[in-house]
Amino acid sequence: MKQINKDKENINTLLQLIKDNPELPILPMVATEAVCDDSFSYWMAKWGRAKIDKYWLDDGRVYLYNEDFETLVDEWIDDNYEDYPNFTDEELQKKAESVINGYEWVEAIIVYIEQL
């Protein structure tokens, strides 16, 4: 019974987000466990949590702003610190944040699709 209530809560949250934000695209994020292999055309899954966030695509990978921003900043610093030898750590952090914020982030309703 607890799982049924959680499933209903997830669906109600998604529906409310859609109602409140009809202009936003919906981005389903499918868990790898929900698709075991490619032997069939479709797999059954269930609605997971839903939220509003921003996403950015790079070489087929999806980055979520609120989950991946700090990782992207750290990676940018690791890859570019030699190009800014006179920057302090704080200046380099601000530069990296500015660059990452300049990516083409798209606001969307993110809905997780989970294994049954």
PDB file of N, CA and C in Angstrom:
ATOM      1  N   MET A   1       0.819  -1.199   0.000  1.00  0.00           N
ATOM      2  CA  MET A   1       0.000   0.000   0.000  1.00  0.00           C
ATOM      3  C   MET A   1       0.859   1.259   0.000  1.00  0.00           C
ATOM      4  N   LYS A   2       2.000   1.194   0.713  1.00  0.00           N
ATOM      5  CA  LYS A   2       2.893   2.340   0.786  1.00  0.00           C
ATOM      6  C   LYS A   2       3.417   2.711  -0.603  1.00  0.00           C
ATOM      7  N   GLN A   3       3.790   1.672  -1.403  1.00  0.00           N
ATOM      8  CA  GLN A   3       4.303   1.918  -2.745  1.00  0.00           C
ATOM      9  C   GLN A   3       3.231   2.518  -3.650  1.00  0.00           C
ATOM     10  N   ILE A   4       2.001   2.064  -3.538  1.00  0.00           N
ATOM     11  CA  ILE A   4       0.906   2.614  -4.335  1.00  0.00           C
ATOM     12  C   ILE A   4       0.726   4.089  -4.029  1.00  0.00           C
ATOM     13  N   ASN A   5       0.798   4.467  -2.753  1.00  0.00           N
ATOM     14  CA  ASN A   5       0.668   5.871  -2.375  1.00  0.00           C
ATOM     15  C   ASN A   5       1.815   6.705  -2.946  1.00  0.00           C
ATOM     16  N   LYS A   6       3.032   6.154  -2.926  1.00  0.00           N
ATOM     17  CA  LYS A   6       4.188   6.865  -3.477  1.00  0.00           C
ATOM     18  C   LYS A   6       4.039   7.032  -4.979  1.00  0.00           C
ATOM     19  N   ASP A   7       3.559   5.985  -5.666  1.00  0.00           N
ATOM     20  CA  ASP A   7       3.329   6.066  -7.111  1.00  0.00           C
ATOM     21  C   ASP A   7       2.307   7.152  -7.431  1.00  0.00           C
ATOM     22  N   LYS A   8       1.219   7.197  -6.683  1.00  0.00           N
ATOM     23  CA  LYS A   8       0.189   8.224  -6.891  1.00  0.00           C
ATOM     24  C   LYS A   8       0.743   9.616  -6.620  1.00  0.00           C
ATOM     25  N   GLU A   9       1.553   9.733  -5.590  1.00  0.00           N
ATOM     26  CA  GLU A   9       2.165  11.023  -5.256  1.00  0.00           C
ATOM     27  C   GLU A   9       3.069  11.491  -6.400  1.00  0.00           C
ATOM     28  N   ASN A  10       3.872  10.576  -6.958  1.00  0.00           N
ATOM     29  CA  ASN A  10       4.733  10.930  -8.083  1.00  0.00           C
ATOM     30  C   ASN A  10       3.926  11.398  -9.284  1.00  0.00           C
ATOM     31  N   ILE A  11       2.858  10.698  -9.591  1.00  0.00           N
ATOM     32  CA  ILE A  11       2.009  11.070 -10.722  1.00  0.00           C
ATOM     33  C   ILE A  11       1.331  12.410 -10.466  1.00  0.00           C
ATOM     34  N   ASN A  12       0.818  12.617  -9.267  1.00  0.00           N
ATOM     35  CA  ASN A  12       0.164  13.887  -8.942  1.00  0.00           C
ATOM     36  C   ASN A  12       1.143  15.057  -9.013  1.00  0.00           C
ATOM     37  N   THR A  13       2.363  14.835  -8.547  1.00  0.00           N
ATOM     38  CA  THR A  13       3.385  15.884  -8.641  1.00  0.00           C
ATOM     39  C   THR A  13       3.664  16.224 -10.099  1.00  0.00           C
ATOM     40  N   LEU A  14       3.838  15.206 -10.932  1.00  0.00           N
ATOM     41  CA  LEU A  14       4.081  15.433 -12.357  1.00  0.00           C
ATOM     42  C   LEU A  14       2.930  16.197 -12.994  1.00  0.00           C
ATOM     43  N   LEU A  15       1.710  15.771 -12.736  1.00  0.00           N
ATOM     44  CA  LEU A  15       0.550  16.446 -13.322  1.00  0.00           C
ATOM     45  C   LEU A  15       0.454  17.903 -12.872  1.00  0.00           C
ATOM     46  N   GLN A  16       0.776  18.164 -11.608  1.00  0.00           N
ATOM     47  CA  GLN A  16       0.732  19.537 -11.101  1.00  0.00           C
ATOM     48  C   GLN A  16       1.821  20.397 -11.760  1.00  0.00           C
ATOM     49  N   LEU A  17       3.005  19.828 -11.926  1.00  0.00           N
ATOM     50  CA  LEU A  17       4.073  20.562 -12.601  1.00  0.00           C
ATOM     51  C   LEU A  17       3.689  20.897 -14.041  1.00  0.00           C
ATOM     52  N   ILE A  18       3.058  19.952 -14.722  1.00  0.00           N
ATOM     53  CA  ILE A  18       2.606  20.190 -16.104  1.00  0.00           C
ATOM     54  C   ILE A  18       1.538  21.277 -16.124  1.00  0.00           C
ATOM     55  N   LYS A  19       0.605  21.197 -15.200  1.00  0.00           N
ATOM     56  CA  LYS A  19      -0.472  22.192 -15.137  1.00  0.00           C
ATOM     57  C   LYS A  19       0.080  23.586 -14.854  1.00  0.00           C
ATOM     58  N   ASP A  20       1.030  23.680 -13.926  1.00  0.00           N
ATOM     59  CA  ASP A  20       1.588  24.974 -13.525  1.00  0.00           C
ATOM     60  C   ASP A  20       2.597  25.526 -14.528  1.00  0.00           C
ATOM     61  N   ASN A  21       3.147  24.650 -15.379  1.00  0.00           N
ATOM     62  CA  ASN A  21       4.208  25.053 -16.304  1.00  0.00           C
ATOM     63  C   ASN A  21       3.985  24.461 -17.695  1.00  0.00           C
ATOM     64  N   PRO A  22       2.851  24.763 -18.328  1.00  0.00           N
ATOM     65  CA  PRO A  22       2.534  24.108 -19.603  1.00  0.00           C
ATOM     66  C   PRO A  22       3.513  24.461 -20.733  1.00  0.00           C
ATOM     67  N   GLU A  23       4.287  25.519 -20.562  1.00  0.00           N
ATOM     68  CA  GLU A  23       5.224  25.926 -21.605  1.00  0.00           C
ATOM     69  C   GLU A  23       6.530  25.134 -21.580  1.00  0.00           C
ATOM     70  N   LEU A  24       6.773  24.420 -20.484  1.00  0.00           N
ATOM     71  CA  LEU A  24       8.036  23.692 -20.354  1.00  0.00           C
ATOM     72  C   LEU A  24       7.989  22.331 -21.042  1.00  0.00           C
ATOM     73  N   PRO A  25       9.079  21.966 -21.695  1.00  0.00           N
ATOM     74  CA  PRO A  25       9.151  20.610 -22.246  1.00  0.00           C
ATOM     75  C   PRO A  25       9.259  19.602 -21.099  1.00  0.00           C
ATOM     76  N   ILE A  26       8.917  18.358 -21.401  1.00  0.00           N
ATOM     77  CA  ILE A  26       9.023  17.281 -20.422  1.00  0.00           C
ATOM     78  C   ILE A  26      10.172  16.380 -20.866  1.00  0.00           C
ATOM     79  N   LEU A  27      11.113  16.161 -19.957  1.00  0.00           N
ATOM     80  CA  LEU A  27      12.273  15.337 -20.261  1.00  0.00           C
ATOM     81  C   LEU A  27      12.227  14.078 -19.414  1.00  0.00           C
ATOM     82  N   PRO A  28      11.879  12.929 -20.010  1.00  0.00           N
ATOM     83  CA  PRO A  28      11.919  11.678 -19.259  1.00  0.00           C
ATOM     84  C   PRO A  28      13.363  11.206 -19.092  1.00  0.00           C
ATOM     85  N   MET A  29      13.732  10.876 -17.881  1.00  0.00           N
ATOM     86  CA  MET A  29      15.060  10.346 -17.573  1.00  0.00           C
ATOM     87  C   MET A  29      14.870   8.885 -17.190  1.00  0.00           C
ATOM     88  N   VAL A  30      15.242   7.983 -18.081  1.00  0.00           N
ATOM     89  CA  VAL A  30      14.966   6.564 -17.907  1.00  0.00           C
ATOM     90  C   VAL A  30      16.138   5.869 -17.220  1.00  0.00           C
ATOM     91  N   ALA A  31      15.840   5.212 -16.106  1.00  0.00           N
ATOM     92  CA  ALA A  31      16.855   4.465 -15.369  1.00  0.00           C
ATOM     93  C   ALA A  31      17.337   3.277 -16.199  1.00  0.00           C
ATOM     94  N   THR A  32      18.625   2.999 -16.164  1.00  0.00           N
ATOM     95  CA  THR A  32      19.155   1.878 -16.945  1.00  0.00           C
ATOM     96  C   THR A  32      18.520   0.556 -16.531  1.00  0.00           C
ATOM     97  N   GLU A  33      18.127   0.443 -15.265  1.00  0.00           N
ATOM     98  CA  GLU A  33      17.506  -0.785 -14.790  1.00  0.00           C
ATOM     99  C   GLU A  33      16.128  -1.016 -15.426  1.00  0.00           C
ATOM    100  N   ALA A  34      15.517   0.040 -15.934  1.00  0.00           N
ATOM    101  CA  ALA A  34      14.193  -0.087 -16.548  1.00  0.00           C
ATOM    102  C   ALA A  34      14.279  -0.680 -17.954  1.00  0.00           C
ATOM    103  N   VAL A  35      15.452  -0.657 -18.561  1.00  0.00           N
ATOM    104  CA  VAL A  35      15.658  -1.201 -19.900  1.00  0.00           C
ATOM    105  C   VAL A  35      16.802  -2.205 -19.812  1.00  0.00           C
ATOM    106  N   CYS A  36      16.446  -3.452 -19.698  1.00  0.00           N
ATOM    107  CA  CYS A  36      17.454  -4.495 -19.454  1.00  0.00           C
ATOM    108  C   CYS A  36      18.334  -4.765 -20.666  1.00  0.00           C
ATOM    109  N   ASP A  37      17.766  -4.756 -21.853  1.00  0.00           N
ATOM    110  CA  ASP A  37      18.526  -4.948 -23.084  1.00  0.00           C
ATOM    111  C   ASP A  37      17.670  -4.460 -24.241  1.00  0.00           C
ATOM    112  N   ASP A  38      18.125  -4.653 -25.458  1.00  0.00           N
ATOM    113  CA  ASP A  38      17.383  -4.162 -26.614  1.00  0.00           C
ATOM    114  C   ASP A  38      16.675  -5.279 -27.392  1.00  0.00           C
ATOM    115  N   SER A  39      16.308  -6.362 -26.719  1.00  0.00           N
ATOM    116  CA  SER A  39      15.651  -7.487 -27.380  1.00  0.00           C
ATOM    117  C   SER A  39      14.218  -7.175 -27.782  1.00  0.00           C
ATOM    118  N   PHE A  40      13.604  -6.207 -27.115  1.00  0.00           N
ATOM    119  CA  PHE A  40      12.204  -5.884 -27.380  1.00  0.00           C
ATOM    120  C   PHE A  40      12.076  -4.395 -27.673  1.00  0.00           C
ATOM    121  N   SER A  41      10.945  -4.008 -28.250  1.00  0.00           N
ATOM    122  CA  SER A  41      10.718  -2.613 -28.608  1.00  0.00           C
ATOM    123  C   SER A  41      10.359  -1.755 -27.395  1.00  0.00           C
ATOM    124  N   TYR A  42       9.675  -2.337 -26.414  1.00  0.00           N
ATOM    125  CA  TYR A  42       9.216  -1.568 -25.258  1.00  0.00           C
ATOM    126  C   TYR A  42       9.470  -2.329 -23.970  1.00  0.00           C
ATOM    127  N   TRP A  43       9.633  -1.571 -22.901  1.00  0.00           N
ATOM    128  CA  TRP A  43       9.778  -2.125 -21.564  1.00  0.00           C
ATOM    129  C   TRP A  43       8.821  -1.398 -20.647  1.00  0.00           C
ATOM    130  N   MET A  44       8.289  -2.102 -19.672  1.00  0.00           N
ATOM    131  CA  MET A  44       7.414  -1.457 -18.696  1.00  0.00           C
ATOM    132  C   MET A  44       8.263  -0.813 -17.613  1.00  0.00           C
ATOM    133  N   ALA A  45       7.774   0.307 -17.121  1.00  0.00           N
ATOM    134  CA  ALA A  45       8.458   1.024 -16.050  1.00  0.00           C
ATOM    135  C   ALA A  45       7.396   1.774 -15.256  1.00  0.00           C
ATOM    136  N   LYS A  46       7.833   2.560 -14.284  1.00  0.00           N
ATOM    137  CA  LYS A  46       6.870   3.340 -13.503  1.00  0.00           C
ATOM    138  C   LYS A  46       7.373   4.765 -13.379  1.00  0.00           C
ATOM    139  N   TRP A  47       6.430   5.657 -13.080  1.00  0.00           N
ATOM    140  CA  TRP A  47       6.758   7.054 -12.882  1.00  0.00           C
ATOM    141  C   TRP A  47       7.533   7.209 -11.585  1.00  0.00           C
ATOM    142  N   GLY A  48       8.652   7.897 -11.672  1.00  0.00           N
ATOM    143  CA  GLY A  48       9.428   8.252 -10.482  1.00  0.00           C
ATOM    144  C   GLY A  48       9.133   9.699 -10.123  1.00  0.00           C
ATOM    145  N   ARG A  49      10.046  10.302  -9.402  1.00  0.00           N
ATOM    146  CA  ARG A  49       9.834  11.692  -8.981  1.00  0.00           C
ATOM    147  C   ARG A  49       9.936  12.623 -10.182  1.00  0.00           C
ATOM    148  N   ALA A  50       9.351  13.795 -10.030  1.00  0.00           N
ATOM    149  CA  ALA A  50       9.388  14.816 -11.071  1.00  0.00           C
ATOM    150  C   ALA A  50       9.766  16.145 -10.435  1.00  0.00           C
ATOM    151  N   LYS A  51      10.471  16.963 -11.211  1.00  0.00           N
ATOM    152  CA  LYS A  51      10.898  18.267 -10.704  1.00  0.00           C
ATOM    153  C   LYS A  51      11.186  19.183 -11.885  1.00  0.00           C
ATOM    154  N   ILE A  52      11.312  20.449 -11.587  1.00  0.00           N
ATOM    155  CA  ILE A  52      11.741  21.408 -12.596  1.00  0.00           C
ATOM    156  C   ILE A  52      13.231  21.642 -12.393  1.00  0.00           C
ATOM    157  N   ASP A  53      13.959  21.566 -13.489  1.00  0.00           N
ATOM    158  CA  ASP A  53      15.392  21.814 -13.465  1.00  0.00           C
ATOM    159  C   ASP A  53      15.779  22.275 -14.865  1.00  0.00           C
ATOM    160  N   LYS A  54      17.034  22.560 -15.058  1.00  0.00           N
ATOM    161  CA  LYS A  54      17.560  22.888 -16.374  1.00  0.00           C
ATOM    162  C   LYS A  54      18.484  21.754 -16.798  1.00  0.00           C
ATOM    163  N   TYR A  55      18.504  21.473 -18.108  1.00  0.00           N
ATOM    164  CA  TYR A  55      19.403  20.449 -18.612  1.00  0.00           C
ATOM    165  C   TYR A  55      20.238  21.005 -19.756  1.00  0.00           C
ATOM    166  N   TRP A  56      21.363  20.348 -19.997  1.00  0.00           N
ATOM    167  CA  TRP A  56      22.262  20.692 -21.092  1.00  0.00           C
ATOM    168  C   TRP A  56      22.768  19.385 -21.678  1.00  0.00           C
ATOM    169  N   LEU A  57      22.789  19.306 -23.001  1.00  0.00           N
ATOM    170  CA  LEU A  57      23.260  18.098 -23.685  1.00  0.00           C
ATOM    171  C   LEU A  57      24.663  18.318 -24.227  1.00  0.00           C
ATOM    172  N   ASP A  58      25.531  17.322 -24.023  1.00  0.00           N
ATOM    173  CA  ASP A  58      26.884  17.375 -24.558  1.00  0.00           C
ATOM    174  C   ASP A  58      27.295  15.972 -24.979  1.00  0.00           C
ATOM    175  N   ASP A  59      27.502  15.775 -26.263  1.00  0.00           N
ATOM    176  CA  ASP A  59      27.885  14.463 -26.808  1.00  0.00           C
ATOM    177  C   ASP A  59      26.951  13.353 -26.351  1.00  0.00           C
ATOM    178  N   GLY A  60      25.664  13.622 -26.330  1.00  0.00           N
ATOM    179  CA  GLY A  60      24.677  12.613 -25.973  1.00  0.00           C
ATOM    180  C   GLY A  60      24.435  12.453 -24.488  1.00  0.00           C
ATOM    181  N   ARG A  61      25.234  13.098 -23.662  1.00  0.00           N
ATOM    182  CA  ARG A  61      25.037  13.018 -22.211  1.00  0.00           C
ATOM    183  C   ARG A  61      24.162  14.180 -21.751  1.00  0.00           C
ATOM    184  N   VAL A  62      23.282  13.883 -20.820  1.00  0.00           N
ATOM    185  CA  VAL A  62      22.403  14.893 -20.251  1.00  0.00           C
ATOM    186  C   VAL A  62      22.968  15.337 -18.904  1.00  0.00           C
ATOM    187  N   TYR A  63      23.153  16.634 -18.754  1.00  0.00           N
ATOM    188  CA  TYR A  63      23.588  17.212 -17.485  1.00  0.00           C
ATOM    189  C   TYR A  63      22.428  17.995 -16.895  1.00  0.00           C
ATOM    190  N   LEU A  64      22.193  17.831 -15.609  1.00  0.00           N
ATOM    191  CA  LEU A  64      21.167  18.594 -14.908  1.00  0.00           C
ATOM    192  C   LEU A  64      21.844  19.677 -14.082  1.00  0.00           C
ATOM    193  N   TYR A  65      21.330  20.880 -14.186  1.00  0.00           N
ATOM    194  CA  TYR A  65      21.954  22.038 -13.554  1.00  0.00           C
ATOM    195  C   TYR A  65      22.140  21.829 -12.057  1.00  0.00           C
ATOM    196  N   ASN A  66      21.074  21.457 -11.376  1.00  0.00           N
ATOM    197  CA  ASN A  66      21.144  21.349  -9.913  1.00  0.00           C
ATOM    198  C   ASN A  66      21.896  20.118  -9.419  1.00  0.00           C
ATOM    199  N   GLU A  67      22.153  19.180 -10.290  1.00  0.00           N
ATOM    200  CA  GLU A  67      22.887  17.980  -9.889  1.00  0.00           C
ATOM    201  C   GLU A  67      24.328  17.973 -10.394  1.00  0.00           C
ATOM    202  N   ASP A  68      24.581  18.604 -11.534  1.00  0.00           N
ATOM    203  CA  ASP A  68      25.880  18.465 -12.183  1.00  0.00           C
ATOM    204  C   ASP A  68      26.698  19.753 -12.277  1.00  0.00           C
ATOM    205  N   PHE A  69      26.145  20.872 -11.843  1.00  0.00           N
ATOM    206  CA  PHE A  69      26.823  22.157 -12.003  1.00  0.00           C
ATOM    207  C   PHE A  69      28.212  22.151 -11.371  1.00  0.00           C
ATOM    208  N   GLU A  70      28.305  21.757 -10.111  1.00  0.00           N
ATOM    209  CA  GLU A  70      29.602  21.774  -9.414  1.00  0.00           C
ATOM    210  C   GLU A  70      30.612  20.839 -10.075  1.00  0.00           C
ATOM    211  N   THR A  71      30.155  19.689 -10.540  1.00  0.00           N
ATOM    212  CA  THR A  71      31.048  18.759 -11.238  1.00  0.00           C
ATOM    213  C   THR A  71      31.573  19.378 -12.520  1.00  0.00           C
ATOM    214  N   LEU A  72      30.684  20.041 -13.270  1.00  0.00           N
ATOM    215  CA  LEU A  72      31.116  20.695 -14.507  1.00  0.00           C
ATOM    216  C   LEU A  72      32.105  21.817 -14.222  1.00  0.00           C
ATOM    217  N   VAL A  73      31.870  22.584 -13.152  1.00  0.00           N
ATOM    218  CA  VAL A  73      32.798  23.651 -12.767  1.00  0.00           C
ATOM    219  C   VAL A  73      34.156  23.051 -12.425  1.00  0.00           C
ATOM    220  N   ASP A  74      34.170  22.006 -11.612  1.00  0.00           N
ATOM    221  CA  ASP A  74      35.426  21.363 -11.227  1.00  0.00           C
ATOM    222  C   ASP A  74      36.174  20.814 -12.450  1.00  0.00           C
ATOM    223  N   GLU A  75      35.450  20.196 -13.360  1.00  0.00           N
ATOM    224  CA  GLU A  75      36.078  19.649 -14.562  1.00  0.00           C
ATOM    225  C   GLU A  75      36.652  20.766 -15.430  1.00  0.00           C
ATOM    226  N   TRP A  76      35.914  21.881 -15.539  1.00  0.00           N
ATOM    227  CA  TRP A  76      36.397  23.001 -16.334  1.00  0.00           C
ATOM    228  C   TRP A  76      37.689  23.550 -15.730  1.00  0.00           C
ATOM    229  N   ILE A  77      37.710  23.705 -14.419  1.00  0.00           N
ATOM    230  CA  ILE A  77      38.917  24.195 -13.747  1.00  0.00           C
ATOM    231  C   ILE A  77      40.087  23.242 -13.999  1.00  0.00           C
ATOM    232  N   ASP A  78      39.859  21.939 -13.848  1.00  0.00           N
ATOM    233  CA  ASP A  78      40.915  20.949 -14.077  1.00  0.00           C
ATOM    234  C   ASP A  78      41.473  21.030 -15.498  1.00  0.00           C
ATOM    235  N   ASP A  79      40.579  21.286 -16.460  1.00  0.00           N
ATOM    236  CA  ASP A  79      40.989  21.309 -17.866  1.00  0.00           C
ATOM    237  C   ASP A  79      41.592  22.639 -18.306  1.00  0.00           C
ATOM    238  N   ASN A  80      41.368  23.717 -17.534  1.00  0.00           N
ATOM    239  CA  ASN A  80      41.735  25.049 -18.020  1.00  0.00           C
ATOM    240  C   ASN A  80      42.613  25.878 -17.094  1.00  0.00           C
ATOM    241  N   TYR A  81      42.961  25.371 -15.930  1.00  0.00           N
ATOM    242  CA  TYR A  81      43.687  26.206 -14.966  1.00  0.00           C
ATOM    243  C   TYR A  81      45.032  26.693 -15.510  1.00  0.00           C
ATOM    244  N   GLU A  82      45.674  25.910 -16.365  1.00  0.00           N
ATOM    245  CA  GLU A  82      46.974  26.322 -16.913  1.00  0.00           C
ATOM    246  C   GLU A  82      46.855  27.535 -17.836  1.00  0.00           C
ATOM    247  N   ASP A  83      45.652  27.751 -18.388  1.00  0.00           N
ATOM    248  CA  ASP A  83      45.432  28.903 -19.266  1.00  0.00           C
ATOM    249  C   ASP A  83      45.263  30.206 -18.489  1.00  0.00           C
ATOM    250  N   TYR A  84      45.139  30.109 -17.169  1.00  0.00           N
ATOM    251  CA  TYR A  84      44.916  31.288 -16.315  1.00  0.00           C
ATOM    252  C   TYR A  84      45.908  31.283 -15.153  1.00  0.00           C
ATOM    253  N   PRO A  85      47.208  31.353 -15.438  1.00  0.00           N
ATOM    254  CA  PRO A  85      48.206  31.220 -14.374  1.00  0.00           C
ATOM    255  C   PRO A  85      48.181  32.337 -13.336  1.00  0.00           C
ATOM    256  N   ASN A  86      47.654  33.486 -13.680  1.00  0.00           N
ATOM    257  CA  ASN A  86      47.644  34.616 -12.750  1.00  0.00           C
ATOM    258  C   ASN A  86      46.346  34.715 -11.944  1.00  0.00           C
ATOM    259  N   PHE A  87      45.412  33.799 -12.166  1.00  0.00           N
ATOM    260  CA  PHE A  87      44.136  33.824 -11.439  1.00  0.00           C
ATOM    261  C   PHE A  87      44.314  33.200 -10.057  1.00  0.00           C
ATOM    262  N   THR A  88      43.647  33.804  -9.086  1.00  0.00           N
ATOM    263  CA  THR A  88      43.554  33.159  -7.776  1.00  0.00           C
ATOM    264  C   THR A  88      42.541  32.023  -7.882  1.00  0.00           C
ATOM    265  N   ASP A  89      42.483  31.181  -6.869  1.00  0.00           N
ATOM    266  CA  ASP A  89      41.487  30.102  -6.855  1.00  0.00           C
ATOM    267  C   ASP A  89      40.082  30.673  -6.954  1.00  0.00           C
ATOM    268  N   GLU A  90      39.839  31.779  -6.259  1.00  0.00           N
ATOM    269  CA  GLU A  90      38.500  32.400  -6.282  1.00  0.00           C
ATOM    270  C   GLU A  90      38.181  32.943  -7.673  1.00  0.00           C
ATOM    271  N   GLU A  91      39.152  33.583  -8.326  1.00  0.00           N
ATOM    272  CA  GLU A  91      38.930  34.109  -9.678  1.00  0.00           C
ATOM    273  C   GLU A  91      38.684  32.977 -10.669  1.00  0.00           C
ATOM    274  N   LEU A  92      39.421  31.904 -10.518  1.00  0.00           N
ATOM    275  CA  LEU A  92      39.245  30.754 -11.412  1.00  0.00           C
ATOM    276  C   LEU A  92      37.878  30.111 -11.197  1.00  0.00           C
ATOM    277  N   GLN A  93      37.445  30.023  -9.947  1.00  0.00           N
ATOM    278  CA  GLN A  93      36.117  29.483  -9.625  1.00  0.00           C
ATOM    279  C   GLN A  93      35.038  30.343 -10.289  1.00  0.00           C
ATOM    280  N   LYS A  94      35.152  31.657 -10.168  1.00  0.00           N
ATOM    281  CA  LYS A  94      34.154  32.562 -10.768  1.00  0.00           C
ATOM    282  C   LYS A  94      34.162  32.457 -12.286  1.00  0.00           C
ATOM    283  N   LYS A  95      35.333  32.344 -12.885  1.00  0.00           N
ATOM    284  CA  LYS A  95      35.438  32.191 -14.330  1.00  0.00           C
ATOM    285  C   LYS A  95      34.756  30.900 -14.775  1.00  0.00           C
ATOM    286  N   ALA A  96      35.051  29.812 -14.087  1.00  0.00           N
ATOM    287  CA  ALA A  96      34.447  28.525 -14.431  1.00  0.00           C
ATOM    288  C   ALA A  96      32.929  28.585 -14.295  1.00  0.00           C
ATOM    289  N   GLU A  97      32.431  29.158 -13.214  1.00  0.00           N
ATOM    290  CA  GLU A  97      30.983  29.277 -13.014  1.00  0.00           C
ATOM    291  C   GLU A  97      30.349  30.103 -14.126  1.00  0.00           C
ATOM    292  N   SER A  98      31.025  31.165 -14.537  1.00  0.00           N
ATOM    293  CA  SER A  98      30.518  32.001 -15.621  1.00  0.00           C
ATOM    294  C   SER A  98      30.441  31.223 -16.933  1.00  0.00           C
ATOM    295  N   VAL A  99      31.481  30.457 -17.218  1.00  0.00           N
ATOM    296  CA  VAL A  99      31.496  29.651 -18.439  1.00  0.00           C
ATOM    297  C   VAL A  99      30.366  28.623 -18.408  1.00  0.00           C
ATOM    298  N   ILE A 100      30.237  27.908 -17.304  1.00  0.00           N
ATOM    299  CA  ILE A 100      29.218  26.850 -17.197  1.00  0.00           C
ATOM    300  C   ILE A 100      27.821  27.461 -17.242  1.00  0.00           C
ATOM    301  N   ASN A 101      27.633  28.599 -16.605  1.00  0.00           N
ATOM    302  CA  ASN A 101      26.331  29.275 -16.674  1.00  0.00           C
ATOM    303  C   ASN A 101      26.007  29.729 -18.092  1.00  0.00           C
ATOM    304  N   GLY A 102      27.033  29.903 -18.930  1.00  0.00           N
ATOM    305  CA  GLY A 102      26.833  30.314 -20.315  1.00  0.00           C
ATOM    306  C   GLY A 102      26.433  29.189 -21.254  1.00  0.00           C
ATOM    307  N   TYR A 103      26.461  27.966 -20.773  1.00  0.00           N
ATOM    308  CA  TYR A 103      26.006  26.848 -21.607  1.00  0.00           C
ATOM    309  C   TYR A 103      24.518  27.033 -21.920  1.00  0.00           C
ATOM    310  N   GLU A 104      24.054  26.371 -22.955  1.00  0.00           N
ATOM    311  CA  GLU A 104      22.661  26.497 -23.377  1.00  0.00           C
ATOM    312  C   GLU A 104      21.750  25.605 -22.535  1.00  0.00           C
ATOM    313  N   TRP A 105      21.553  26.010 -21.292  1.00  0.00           N
ATOM    314  CA  TRP A 105      20.688  25.278 -20.369  1.00  0.00           C
ATOM    315  C   TRP A 105      19.233  25.469 -20.789  1.00  0.00           C
ATOM    316  N   VAL A 106      18.466  24.399 -20.736  1.00  0.00           N
ATOM    317  CA  VAL A 106      17.044  24.431 -21.099  1.00  0.00           C
ATOM    318  C   VAL A 106      16.239  24.049 -19.865  1.00  0.00           C
ATOM    319  N   GLU A 107      15.328  24.924 -19.465  1.00  0.00           N
ATOM    320  CA  GLU A 107      14.468  24.606 -18.327  1.00  0.00           C
ATOM    321  C   GLU A 107      13.408  23.606 -18.778  1.00  0.00           C
ATOM    322  N   ALA A 108      13.154  22.616 -17.952  1.00  0.00           N
ATOM    323  CA  ALA A 108      12.206  21.560 -18.320  1.00  0.00           C
ATOM    324  C   ALA A 108      11.652  20.892 -17.068  1.00  0.00           C
ATOM    325  N   ILE A 109      10.586  20.150 -17.285  1.00  0.00           N
ATOM    326  CA  ILE A 109      10.071  19.260 -16.247  1.00  0.00           C
ATOM    327  C   ILE A 109      10.818  17.945 -16.423  1.00  0.00           C
ATOM    328  N   ILE A 110      11.580  17.591 -15.411  1.00  0.00           N
ATOM    329  CA  ILE A 110      12.365  16.362 -15.443  1.00  0.00           C
ATOM    330  C   ILE A 110      11.548  15.295 -14.724  1.00  0.00           C
ATOM    331  N   VAL A 111      11.278  14.187 -15.400  1.00  0.00           N
ATOM    332  CA  VAL A 111      10.540  13.100 -14.758  1.00  0.00           C
ATOM    333  C   VAL A 111      11.372  11.820 -14.873  1.00  0.00           C
ATOM    334  N   TYR A 112      11.578  11.199 -13.742  1.00  0.00           N
ATOM    335  CA  TYR A 112      12.376   9.982 -13.698  1.00  0.00           C
ATOM    336  C   TYR A 112      11.479   8.776 -13.961  1.00  0.00           C
ATOM    337  N   ILE A 113      11.944   7.899 -14.826  1.00  0.00           N
ATOM    338  CA  ILE A 113      11.245   6.667 -15.174  1.00  0.00           C
ATOM    339  C   ILE A 113      12.037   5.539 -14.513  1.00  0.00           C
ATOM    340  N   GLU A 114      11.387   4.819 -13.617  1.00  0.00           N
ATOM    341  CA  GLU A 114      12.077   3.838 -12.777  1.00  0.00           C
ATOM    342  C   GLU A 114      11.668   2.409 -13.108  1.00  0.00           C
ATOM    343  N   GLN A 115      12.494   1.486 -12.694  1.00  0.00           N
ATOM    344  CA  GLN A 115      12.209   0.058 -12.856  1.00  0.00           C
ATOM    345  C   GLN A 115      10.994  -0.325 -12.013  1.00  0.00           C
ATOM    346  N   LEU A 116      10.158  -1.211 -12.550  1.00  0.00           N
ATOM    347  CA  LEU A 116       8.996  -1.710 -11.781  1.00  0.00           C
ATOM    348  C   LEU A 116       9.445  -2.493 -10.588  1.00  0.00           C
TER     349      LEU A 116
END
